[in-house]
Amino acid sequence: MSENILELQSITKYFPGIKALDGINLNIREGEVHALIGENGAGKSTLVKILTGVYTPTAGKIIYQGKELSFKNAIEAQDAGITAIHQEASMFPELSVVENIYMGHHLKKNGSLDWKGMRARTRNLLQRMEIDLHPDTPVKNLGVAQRHMVEIAKALSIDAKVVIMDEPTSALTLREVEELYKIVRQLKKENKAIIFISHKFEEIQEICDCFTVLRDGKYIGEGSVADTGINQIVNMMVGRSLDQMFPKMEVSIGETILDVRNLSKAGSFKDVSFDLKKGEILGFFGLVGAGRSEVMRGIFGIDTLDNGSIFLKGKEVKIKNPKTAMLKGIAFVPEDRQTQGVILEQSLTNNITLPIIDKISRLGKVNAKAEKEKTATFGRMMEIKAAGWHVNAETLSGGNQQKVVLAKWLATEPEILILDEPTKGIDVGTKAAVHEFISEMASKGLAVIMVSSELPEILGMSDRVIVMHEGKKTREFTRAEANSDVIIKAATGHTEEANG
């Protein structure tokens, strides 16, 4: 077994009113991929910020390469060889690949920037990673996966010894994930130490050697991935057994509330028809680019439809914008919570009451009492963990940010709730809580459309499943008919059984 390159001993971190970390121990070895596991709010992000010099621990020791260190800032951590690749790639979109890779540690020659040398080294790095990119390509022209690869190239450019990957696959296709795995395995061969943060157990089993579990800011335990079952890890994460990840209630389905016919938008989807009933959870499945999200954006009035009709309770309606959709009793939780779901720099109160601001205002002035009551009602309903309703959304974990988005739209008291990837990037415990909440809302008569790329979620939560492929509806299944084989066939365009 390799020696520890990095040891955290009893790391504790206090914030005003919050003990974020309480005696955390972590041992990271060279040539290993170490999974850091925990629910959102478990302390993973705080720990990463301590490792990268953003935060200073209140107590405890960091032993790096046999010496006790204390990083005063992120530059010191980077100079020491510790770097992080975050879930949301933090890059300068207007600058080129080479400029982003060498930002903060430019090569110099005779007192001037050595652009020739930086371009040559960038080409070598990209070739080593088998990435077909030109060093002068502007980052704004790159896809999500390519940006992640550039971040990894930057880590290699500073000869990082410890590479932290925070949810690196959250926005990648299956092929791109395989490419990332290949790079991780190469880094491992080069004796780099990798800290891999993921909520996806299949990834942890595929790429990680060992793991450490955090819960509520505390160290729970560690072990070998190969020798530990998923149920055991889940139990360590949430402190209880998750016998049922998908707590689907059996409810009596009501009358049709939404009927869409032949919806089309050039370049996105064509002739999509379906109906939705009260109390029903209607799952939408498809591979990346299938057009599921675009259909939902069209129904909610974000995008303009070219053709088709929308009927609510039997009457045709024209939904020209989201305001009209909201007035008709439709709510839409978007896939990208950080840019479309919450306003990170605003308080939880402002976020939750934003869609109903006109309902709690009079003569242009917000009723503070009503605002407080609405926030507390829906914030508690979603069990949001925060220091108070006054704190900004950016201070919350990803799972709690998602709960804020759900609370915000539930405050509008909708009849139809459209959820686009409702559990993307959140931990197993929070997923179970969101699933339970969705099922509970459906049992009260709310009609739910759930778009998801996670097949177990679709199978576990849906009363019916609609499958799309390249902008077209290919199959529709009842809950009894749906299984992974038939859904995957339909999602990949195999429609020979469409009438079977």
Protein backbone atom coordinates (compact mmCIF):
# COMPACT_ATOMS: atom_id res chain seq x y z
CA MET A 1 0.00 0.00 0.00
CA SER A 2 1.29 3.47 -0.90
CA GLU A 3 2.26 5.96 1.77
CA ASN A 4 -0.06 8.78 2.76
CA ILE A 5 0.70 11.91 0.75
CA LEU A 6 -2.00 13.85 2.61
CA GLU A 7 -3.42 13.41 6.12
CA LEU A 8 -6.13 15.41 7.83
CA GLN A 9 -6.19 14.99 11.57
CA SER A 10 -9.22 16.11 13.61
CA ILE A 11 -10.07 18.99 11.25
CA THR A 12 -12.74 21.28 12.71
CA LYS A 13 -14.29 24.36 11.12
CA TYR A 14 -16.67 26.84 12.74
CA PHE A 15 -18.78 29.47 10.99
CA PRO A 16 -21.03 31.88 12.90
CA GLY A 17 -23.72 29.68 14.43
CA ILE A 18 -22.60 26.54 12.56
CA LYS A 19 -20.06 23.81 13.22
CA ALA A 20 -19.42 22.76 9.61
CA LEU A 21 -16.72 20.18 10.35
CA ASP A 22 -16.22 18.29 13.59
CA GLY A 23 -13.01 16.29 13.94
CA ILE A 24 -12.57 15.05 10.36
CA ASN A 25 -9.86 12.48 9.59
CA LEU A 26 -8.79 11.72 6.02
CA ASN A 27 -5.88 9.71 4.64
CA ILE A 28 -5.03 10.12 0.96
CA ARG A 29 -2.43 7.88 -0.70
CA GLU A 30 -0.46 8.23 -3.92
CA GLY A 31 -1.68 6.21 -6.88
CA GLU A 32 -5.19 5.79 -5.46
CA VAL A 33 -8.62 7.17 -6.29
CA HIS A 34 -10.28 8.04 -2.97
CA ALA A 35 -14.06 8.60 -2.92
CA LEU A 36 -15.28 11.33 -0.55
CA ILE A 37 -18.90 10.40 0.14
CA GLY A 38 -21.68 12.17 2.00
CA GLU A 39 -25.05 13.81 1.63
CA ASN A 40 -25.23 17.45 0.58
CA GLY A 41 -24.47 19.39 3.73
CA ALA A 42 -22.21 16.64 5.09
CA GLY A 43 -19.18 18.92 4.90
CA LYS A 44 -17.51 17.79 1.66
CA SER A 45 -17.37 21.27 0.07
CA THR A 46 -16.01 22.85 3.26
CA LEU A 47 -13.33 20.17 3.45
CA VAL A 48 -12.33 20.75 -0.19
CA LYS A 49 -12.06 24.49 0.46
CA ILE A 50 -9.74 23.80 3.40
CA LEU A 51 -7.59 21.50 1.26
CA THR A 52 -7.34 24.14 -1.47
CA GLY A 53 -6.56 27.05 0.84
CA VAL A 54 -9.89 28.88 0.53
CA TYR A 55 -10.71 28.29 4.20
CA THR A 56 -8.42 27.93 7.20
CA PRO A 57 -9.44 25.22 9.69
CA THR A 58 -10.45 26.33 13.18
CA ALA A 59 -8.61 23.35 14.66
CA GLY A 60 -6.76 20.24 13.53
CA LYS A 61 -3.71 19.45 11.41
CA ILE A 62 -2.96 19.07 7.70
CA ILE A 63 0.04 16.81 7.08
CA TYR A 64 1.23 17.03 3.47
CA GLN A 65 4.21 15.00 2.25
CA GLY A 66 5.20 14.38 5.85
CA LYS A 67 5.11 18.03 6.96
CA GLU A 68 2.44 19.99 8.79
CA LEU A 69 1.17 22.81 6.58
CA SER A 70 -1.31 25.65 6.77
CA PHE A 71 -2.35 27.22 3.49
CA LYS A 72 -3.11 30.94 3.71
CA ASN A 73 -4.76 31.07 0.29
CA ALA A 74 -5.54 29.04 -2.83
CA ILE A 75 -2.28 30.04 -4.55
CA GLU A 76 -0.25 28.45 -1.73
CA ALA A 77 -2.22 25.21 -2.04
CA GLN A 78 -1.80 25.21 -5.82
CA ASP A 79 1.95 25.88 -5.51
CA ALA A 80 2.18 22.93 -3.14
CA GLY A 81 0.53 20.70 -5.77
CA ILE A 82 -3.11 20.48 -4.61
CA THR A 83 -5.76 21.48 -7.12
CA ALA A 84 -9.52 21.06 -7.51
CA ILE A 85 -11.70 20.55 -10.58
CA HIS A 86 -15.15 21.74 -9.60
CA GLN A 87 -18.60 20.61 -10.72
CA GLU A 88 -19.16 24.01 -12.34
CA ALA A 89 -15.97 24.59 -14.32
CA SER A 90 -14.48 27.90 -13.10
CA MET A 91 -12.88 29.27 -16.25
CA PHE A 92 -12.55 32.49 -18.23
CA PRO A 93 -14.77 31.90 -21.28
CA GLU A 94 -13.40 34.77 -23.36
CA LEU A 95 -9.81 33.55 -22.98
CA SER A 96 -8.17 30.72 -24.90
CA VAL A 97 -7.39 27.19 -23.73
CA VAL A 98 -3.70 28.02 -23.20
CA GLU A 99 -4.53 31.23 -21.31
CA ASN A 100 -6.86 29.33 -18.97
CA ILE A 101 -4.38 26.51 -18.39
CA TYR A 102 -1.55 28.86 -17.42
CA MET A 103 -3.63 31.47 -15.60
CA GLY A 104 -1.82 32.27 -12.35
CA HIS A 105 1.39 30.41 -13.22
CA HIS A 106 2.54 31.77 -16.56
CA LEU A 107 5.86 30.69 -18.03
CA LYS A 108 8.34 33.50 -18.52
CA LYS A 109 11.43 33.91 -20.66
CA ASN A 110 13.81 36.87 -20.43
CA GLY A 111 11.30 38.72 -18.25
CA SER A 112 8.40 38.34 -20.71
CA LEU A 113 5.56 35.85 -21.03
CA ASP A 114 6.72 32.79 -22.95
CA TRP A 115 3.69 32.20 -25.17
CA LYS A 116 5.58 29.90 -27.51
CA GLY A 117 6.60 27.68 -24.60
CA MET A 118 3.09 27.71 -23.06
CA ARG A 119 1.49 26.75 -26.38
CA ALA A 120 3.99 23.93 -26.89
CA ARG A 121 3.41 22.57 -23.39
CA THR A 122 -0.37 22.90 -23.83
CA ARG A 123 -0.20 20.88 -27.05
CA ASN A 124 1.80 18.20 -25.24
CA LEU A 125 -0.67 18.11 -22.34
CA LEU A 126 -3.66 17.79 -24.68
CA GLN A 127 -1.94 15.07 -26.71
CA ARG A 128 -1.06 13.19 -23.52
CA MET A 129 -4.75 13.26 -22.59
CA GLU A 130 -5.76 12.40 -26.18
CA ILE A 131 -7.81 15.59 -26.48
CA ASP A 132 -8.18 17.08 -29.96
CA LEU A 133 -8.13 20.82 -29.17
CA HIS A 134 -6.12 23.77 -30.45
CA PRO A 135 -4.41 25.78 -27.67
CA ASP A 136 -5.80 29.07 -29.03
CA THR A 137 -9.46 27.93 -29.07
CA PRO A 138 -11.62 30.25 -26.93
CA VAL A 139 -13.07 28.38 -23.96
CA LYS A 140 -16.55 29.82 -24.69
CA ASN A 141 -16.59 27.60 -27.81
CA LEU A 142 -16.05 24.39 -25.78
CA GLY A 143 -18.63 21.96 -24.45
CA VAL A 144 -18.95 21.04 -20.78
CA ALA A 145 -16.84 17.90 -21.15
CA GLN A 146 -14.08 19.73 -22.99
CA ARG A 147 -13.97 22.39 -20.28
CA HIS A 148 -13.52 19.69 -17.64
CA MET A 149 -10.67 18.22 -19.69
CA VAL A 150 -9.01 21.64 -19.88
CA GLU A 151 -9.30 21.93 -16.07
CA ILE A 152 -7.54 18.57 -15.76
CA ALA A 153 -4.86 19.77 -18.19
CA LYS A 154 -4.37 22.80 -15.94
CA ALA A 155 -3.88 20.50 -12.95
CA LEU A 156 -1.24 18.60 -14.91
CA SER A 157 0.44 21.83 -16.01
CA ILE A 158 1.26 22.65 -12.38
CA ASP A 159 2.33 19.04 -11.77
CA ALA A 160 -0.40 18.60 -9.16
CA LYS A 161 0.21 15.73 -6.77
CA VAL A 162 -3.34 15.74 -5.34
CA VAL A 163 -6.23 16.27 -7.79
CA ILE A 164 -9.72 16.82 -6.35
CA MET A 165 -12.62 16.09 -8.73
CA ASP A 166 -15.95 17.43 -7.50
CA GLU A 167 -18.88 15.77 -9.33
CA PRO A 168 -16.88 15.78 -12.60
CA THR A 169 -19.40 13.68 -14.55
CA SER A 170 -22.60 15.55 -13.63
CA ALA A 171 -23.05 17.10 -17.10
CA LEU A 172 -21.24 14.53 -19.26
CA THR A 173 -22.59 12.00 -21.73
CA LEU A 174 -21.79 8.29 -21.31
CA ARG A 175 -19.01 8.50 -23.91
CA GLU A 176 -17.50 11.56 -22.23
CA VAL A 177 -17.63 9.80 -18.85
CA GLU A 178 -15.63 6.91 -20.31
CA GLU A 179 -13.04 9.40 -21.60
CA LEU A 180 -12.80 10.93 -18.13
CA TYR A 181 -12.34 7.48 -16.56
CA LYS A 182 -9.48 6.84 -18.97
CA ILE A 183 -7.76 10.05 -17.87
CA VAL A 184 -8.32 9.25 -14.18
CA ARG A 185 -6.72 5.85 -14.67
CA GLN A 186 -3.77 7.50 -16.43
CA LEU A 187 -3.33 9.93 -13.52
CA LYS A 188 -3.39 6.97 -11.16
CA LYS A 189 -0.62 5.27 -13.16
CA GLU A 190 1.43 8.46 -12.81
CA ASN A 191 1.11 8.06 -9.02
CA LYS A 192 -1.19 11.05 -8.56
CA ALA A 193 -3.57 11.00 -5.61
CA ILE A 194 -7.17 11.63 -6.67
CA ILE A 195 -10.05 12.64 -4.40
CA PHE A 196 -13.26 11.80 -6.27
CA ILE A 197 -16.56 13.30 -5.08
CA SER A 198 -19.69 11.72 -6.55
CA HIS A 199 -23.26 10.82 -5.63
CA LYS A 200 -23.34 8.03 -8.21
CA PHE A 201 -22.48 4.67 -6.71
CA GLU A 202 -21.84 3.08 -10.09
CA GLU A 203 -19.05 5.63 -10.62
CA ILE A 204 -17.57 4.98 -7.19
CA GLN A 205 -17.54 1.24 -7.86
CA GLU A 206 -16.07 1.73 -11.33
CA ILE A 207 -13.23 4.15 -10.63
CA CYS A 208 -12.49 4.38 -6.87
CA ASP A 209 -10.20 2.25 -4.71
CA CYS A 210 -11.21 3.41 -1.24
CA PHE A 211 -13.68 5.76 0.42
CA THR A 212 -14.32 8.02 3.39
CA VAL A 213 -17.85 8.86 4.54
CA LEU A 214 -18.88 12.15 6.16
CA ARG A 215 -22.23 12.84 7.83
CA ASP A 216 -23.38 16.12 9.39
CA GLY A 217 -19.81 17.42 9.40
CA LYS A 218 -18.42 14.35 11.17
CA TYR A 219 -16.09 11.56 10.09
CA ILE A 220 -18.11 8.33 9.99
CA GLY A 221 -15.68 5.81 8.58
CA GLU A 222 -13.58 4.62 5.67
CA GLY A 223 -12.86 1.42 3.78
CA SER A 224 -12.09 -0.37 0.54
CA VAL A 225 -14.70 0.02 -2.21
CA ALA A 226 -14.17 -3.57 -3.38
CA ASP A 227 -14.82 -4.96 0.11
CA THR A 228 -17.86 -2.84 1.01
CA GLY A 229 -21.43 -3.18 -0.21
CA ILE A 230 -23.46 -0.23 -1.45
CA ASN A 231 -26.12 -0.76 1.23
CA GLN A 232 -23.44 -0.52 3.90
CA ILE A 233 -22.10 2.75 2.46
CA VAL A 234 -25.63 4.19 2.20
CA ASN A 235 -26.27 3.29 5.82
CA MET A 236 -23.06 5.11 6.82
CA MET A 237 -24.13 8.16 4.80
CA VAL A 238 -27.63 8.63 6.12
CA GLY A 239 -27.52 6.82 9.44
CA ARG A 240 -30.38 4.54 8.50
CA SER A 241 -31.15 1.84 5.98
CA LEU A 242 -32.68 3.00 2.72
CA ASP A 243 -34.90 0.02 2.03
CA GLN A 244 -36.91 2.02 -0.47
CA MET A 245 -35.14 4.60 -2.59
CA PHE A 246 -38.36 5.26 -4.49
CA PRO A 247 -41.24 5.61 -2.01
CA LYS A 248 -44.00 5.57 -4.61
CA MET A 249 -47.48 5.78 -3.11
CA GLU A 250 -50.33 3.95 -4.79
CA VAL A 251 -52.92 6.61 -5.61
CA SER A 252 -56.10 6.67 -7.66
CA ILE A 253 -55.41 8.56 -10.88
CA GLY A 254 -57.91 11.32 -11.62
CA GLU A 255 -59.24 13.00 -14.74
CA THR A 256 -57.10 14.41 -17.54
CA ILE A 257 -55.83 17.90 -16.71
CA LEU A 258 -53.32 18.47 -19.54
CA ASP A 259 -53.54 17.31 -23.15
CA VAL A 260 -50.88 18.31 -25.68
CA ARG A 261 -51.25 17.46 -29.35
CA ASN A 262 -48.65 17.47 -32.11
CA LEU A 263 -46.27 19.93 -30.45
CA SER A 264 -43.40 20.87 -32.76
CA LYS A 265 -40.41 23.18 -32.74
CA ALA A 266 -37.98 23.14 -35.63
CA GLY A 267 -34.64 21.61 -34.71
CA SER A 268 -35.86 20.41 -31.29
CA PHE A 269 -38.91 18.11 -31.47
CA LYS A 270 -41.76 17.13 -33.78
CA ASP A 271 -45.37 15.95 -33.36
CA VAL A 272 -45.18 15.21 -29.64
CA SER A 273 -48.55 14.27 -28.11
CA PHE A 274 -49.46 13.07 -24.62
CA ASP A 275 -51.89 13.66 -21.79
CA LEU A 276 -51.46 14.05 -18.03
CA LYS A 277 -53.93 13.19 -15.28
CA LYS A 278 -54.44 14.47 -11.74
CA GLY A 279 -52.42 12.52 -9.20
CA GLU A 280 -50.23 11.01 -11.91
CA ILE A 281 -46.43 11.02 -12.14
CA LEU A 282 -45.63 10.94 -15.85
CA GLY A 283 -41.99 10.07 -16.52
CA PHE A 284 -40.10 11.35 -19.57
CA PHE A 285 -36.98 9.42 -20.53
CA GLY A 286 -34.47 9.80 -23.34
CA LEU A 287 -30.78 10.13 -24.06
CA VAL A 288 -28.99 13.50 -24.30
CA GLY A 289 -30.47 15.49 -27.19
CA ALA A 290 -33.80 13.61 -27.22
CA GLY A 291 -35.75 16.87 -26.85
CA ARG A 292 -37.45 16.22 -23.49
CA SER A 293 -36.44 19.50 -21.83
CA GLU A 294 -37.28 21.46 -24.97
CA VAL A 295 -40.85 20.09 -24.94
CA MET A 296 -41.26 21.21 -21.32
CA ARG A 297 -39.86 24.67 -22.09
CA GLY A 298 -42.41 24.95 -24.90
CA ILE A 299 -45.31 23.96 -22.64
CA PHE A 300 -44.21 26.47 -19.99
CA GLY A 301 -43.90 29.28 -22.54
CA ILE A 302 -40.13 29.77 -22.32
CA ASP A 303 -39.67 28.81 -25.97
CA THR A 304 -42.12 29.53 -28.79
CA LEU A 305 -43.80 26.53 -30.37
CA ASP A 306 -44.08 26.25 -34.17
CA ASN A 307 -47.13 23.98 -34.18
CA GLY A 308 -49.43 22.08 -31.86
CA SER A 309 -52.17 22.61 -29.31
CA ILE A 310 -52.28 22.63 -25.51
CA PHE A 311 -55.50 21.87 -23.64
CA LEU A 312 -56.01 22.46 -19.92
CA LYS A 313 -59.08 20.79 -18.39
CA GLY A 314 -60.46 20.31 -21.89
CA LYS A 315 -60.08 23.92 -23.05
CA GLU A 316 -57.41 25.02 -25.53
CA VAL A 317 -55.00 27.62 -24.14
CA LYS A 318 -52.28 29.76 -25.67
CA ILE A 319 -49.24 29.92 -23.42
CA LYS A 320 -47.03 32.71 -24.77
CA ASN A 321 -44.76 33.12 -21.75
CA PRO A 322 -44.05 31.68 -18.27
CA LYS A 323 -46.31 34.24 -16.60
CA THR A 324 -49.28 32.88 -18.55
CA ALA A 325 -48.27 29.32 -17.62
CA MET A 326 -48.09 30.25 -13.93
CA LEU A 327 -51.52 31.90 -14.06
CA LYS A 328 -52.84 28.66 -15.59
CA GLY A 329 -51.50 26.67 -12.62
CA ILE A 330 -48.31 25.29 -14.15
CA ALA A 331 -44.93 25.32 -12.34
CA PHE A 332 -41.58 24.39 -13.88
CA VAL A 333 -38.45 23.32 -11.97
CA PRO A 334 -35.58 23.68 -14.48
CA GLU A 335 -32.61 21.33 -14.85
CA ASP A 336 -29.95 23.98 -14.16
CA ARG A 337 -30.79 25.12 -10.64
CA GLN A 338 -27.80 27.45 -10.25
CA THR A 339 -28.48 29.65 -13.28
CA GLN A 340 -32.22 29.17 -13.80
CA GLY A 341 -33.60 27.89 -10.50
CA VAL A 342 -32.26 30.14 -7.76
CA ILE A 343 -30.72 33.59 -7.50
CA LEU A 344 -27.58 32.64 -5.60
CA GLU A 345 -26.86 36.15 -4.29
CA GLN A 346 -30.38 36.54 -2.85
CA SER A 347 -31.81 35.30 0.46
CA LEU A 348 -33.94 32.20 0.79
CA THR A 349 -36.89 34.46 1.58
CA ASN A 350 -36.46 36.40 -1.66
CA ASN A 351 -36.03 33.22 -3.67
CA ILE A 352 -39.03 31.36 -2.25
CA THR A 353 -41.45 34.28 -2.55
CA LEU A 354 -40.26 35.57 -5.94
CA PRO A 355 -42.97 33.87 -8.07
CA ILE A 356 -45.74 35.07 -5.72
CA ILE A 357 -44.38 38.56 -5.06
CA ASP A 358 -47.51 40.16 -6.57
CA LYS A 359 -49.77 38.08 -4.31
CA ILE A 360 -48.06 39.27 -1.11
CA SER A 361 -47.73 42.90 -2.16
CA ARG A 362 -50.07 45.84 -2.10
CA LEU A 363 -49.53 49.14 -3.86
CA GLY A 364 -46.00 48.07 -4.73
CA LYS A 365 -45.03 47.23 -1.15
CA VAL A 366 -44.33 43.69 0.06
CA ASN A 367 -46.28 42.53 3.11
CA ALA A 368 -43.39 41.48 5.36
CA LYS A 369 -45.59 39.29 7.56
CA ALA A 370 -47.03 37.36 4.59
CA GLU A 371 -43.56 37.04 3.09
CA LYS A 372 -42.21 35.56 6.31
CA GLU A 373 -45.15 33.17 6.69
CA LYS A 374 -44.92 31.87 3.09
CA THR A 375 -41.16 31.35 3.38
CA ALA A 376 -41.48 29.46 6.65
CA THR A 377 -44.39 27.32 5.42
CA PHE A 378 -42.79 26.10 2.21
CA GLY A 379 -39.22 26.14 3.51
CA ARG A 380 -40.18 23.84 6.38
CA MET A 381 -42.29 21.70 4.07
CA MET A 382 -39.13 20.98 2.05
CA GLU A 383 -37.01 20.63 5.23
CA ILE A 384 -34.38 23.09 3.99
CA LYS A 385 -31.25 23.07 6.15
CA ALA A 386 -29.92 26.61 6.57
CA ALA A 387 -28.74 29.02 9.27
CA GLY A 388 -31.91 31.05 8.66
CA TRP A 389 -34.26 32.27 5.93
CA HIS A 390 -32.13 35.42 5.65
CA VAL A 391 -29.00 33.66 4.33
CA ASN A 392 -28.17 33.72 0.63
CA ALA A 393 -28.85 30.64 -1.51
CA GLU A 394 -25.17 30.42 -2.47
CA THR A 395 -24.32 29.39 1.11
CA LEU A 396 -26.40 26.19 0.81
CA SER A 397 -25.42 22.76 -0.42
CA GLY A 398 -26.64 21.62 -3.84
CA GLY A 399 -29.39 19.47 -2.36
CA ASN A 400 -30.72 22.31 -0.24
CA GLN A 401 -30.60 24.69 -3.21
CA GLN A 402 -32.79 22.20 -5.07
CA LYS A 403 -35.20 22.18 -2.12
CA VAL A 404 -35.35 26.00 -2.35
CA VAL A 405 -36.34 25.71 -6.02
CA LEU A 406 -39.06 23.20 -5.15
CA ALA A 407 -40.30 25.37 -2.27
CA LYS A 408 -40.39 28.40 -4.58
CA TRP A 409 -42.63 26.73 -7.12
CA LEU A 410 -44.83 24.98 -4.58
CA ALA A 411 -45.53 28.40 -3.09
CA THR A 412 -47.44 29.18 -6.31
CA GLU A 413 -49.80 26.30 -5.38
CA PRO A 414 -49.79 24.78 -8.89
CA GLU A 415 -52.02 22.07 -10.33
CA ILE A 416 -49.29 20.84 -12.70
CA LEU A 417 -45.65 20.50 -11.64
CA ILE A 418 -42.99 19.94 -14.31
CA LEU A 419 -39.69 18.65 -12.88
CA ASP A 420 -36.65 18.60 -15.17
CA GLU A 421 -33.95 16.35 -13.62
CA PRO A 422 -35.24 16.98 -10.06
CA THR A 423 -32.48 14.99 -8.32
CA LYS A 424 -29.51 15.80 -10.56
CA GLY A 425 -26.31 16.16 -8.54
CA ILE A 426 -27.88 15.55 -5.13
CA ASP A 427 -27.07 12.80 -2.68
CA VAL A 428 -28.90 9.55 -2.06
CA GLY A 429 -30.56 10.67 1.17
CA THR A 430 -31.87 13.91 -0.33
CA LYS A 431 -33.01 12.01 -3.43
CA ALA A 432 -35.13 9.73 -1.28
CA ALA A 433 -36.61 12.78 0.48
CA VAL A 434 -37.42 14.48 -2.84
CA HIS A 435 -38.97 11.28 -4.19
CA GLU A 436 -41.09 10.95 -1.07
CA PHE A 437 -42.23 14.55 -1.41
CA ILE A 438 -43.11 14.13 -5.11
CA SER A 439 -45.13 11.02 -4.30
CA GLU A 440 -46.90 12.82 -1.45
CA MET A 441 -47.83 15.77 -3.70
CA ALA A 442 -49.19 13.40 -6.34
CA SER A 443 -51.30 11.65 -3.68
CA LYS A 444 -52.93 15.02 -3.00
CA GLY A 445 -53.95 15.37 -6.66
CA LEU A 446 -51.00 17.33 -8.07
CA ALA A 447 -50.20 16.25 -11.65
CA VAL A 448 -46.45 15.72 -12.09
CA ILE A 449 -44.25 15.47 -15.18
CA MET A 450 -40.80 14.18 -14.27
CA VAL A 451 -37.99 14.41 -16.83
CA SER A 452 -35.03 12.26 -15.78
CA SER A 453 -31.93 10.67 -17.28
CA GLU A 454 -31.74 8.19 -14.40
CA LEU A 455 -33.56 5.03 -15.44
CA PRO A 456 -34.03 3.69 -11.86
CA GLU A 457 -35.75 6.97 -10.96
CA ILE A 458 -38.07 6.74 -13.98
CA LEU A 459 -38.94 3.11 -13.26
CA GLY A 460 -39.31 3.67 -9.52
CA MET A 461 -41.48 6.78 -9.56
CA SER A 462 -43.56 6.85 -12.77
CA ASP A 463 -47.17 5.77 -13.29
CA ARG A 464 -46.55 5.99 -17.04
CA VAL A 465 -43.34 6.48 -19.04
CA ILE A 466 -42.93 8.36 -22.32
CA VAL A 467 -39.69 7.76 -24.19
CA MET A 468 -38.18 10.19 -26.71
CA HIS A 469 -35.47 9.78 -29.32
CA GLU A 470 -34.09 12.57 -31.52
CA GLY A 471 -37.05 14.89 -30.95
CA LYS A 472 -39.79 12.30 -31.38
CA LYS A 473 -41.94 10.30 -28.99
CA THR A 474 -41.05 6.67 -29.69
CA ARG A 475 -42.92 4.67 -27.02
CA GLU A 476 -45.31 4.98 -24.11
CA PHE A 477 -45.44 2.43 -21.29
CA THR A 478 -47.65 1.81 -18.30
CA ARG A 479 -45.91 1.22 -14.98
CA ALA A 480 -46.51 -2.52 -15.37
CA GLU A 481 -45.07 -2.61 -18.90
CA ALA A 482 -41.97 -0.52 -18.20
CA ASN A 483 -38.60 -2.16 -17.69
CA SER A 484 -35.02 -1.18 -18.46
CA ASP A 485 -34.76 -3.26 -21.65
CA VAL A 486 -37.80 -1.88 -23.47
CA ILE A 487 -37.10 1.69 -22.36
CA ILE A 488 -33.47 1.64 -23.50
CA LYS A 489 -34.52 0.15 -26.87
CA ALA A 490 -37.04 2.94 -27.35
CA ALA A 491 -34.53 5.59 -26.24
CA THR A 492 -32.02 4.42 -28.84
CA GLY A 493 -34.55 4.51 -31.66
CA HIS A 494 -35.57 0.83 -31.82
CA THR A 495 -39.30 1.29 -32.42
CA GLU A 496 -40.16 -2.01 -34.11
CA GLU A 497 -42.19 -2.96 -31.03
CA ALA A 498 -44.10 0.31 -30.99
CA ASN A 499 -47.36 -1.35 -31.79
CA GLY A 500 -46.69 -4.58 -29.89
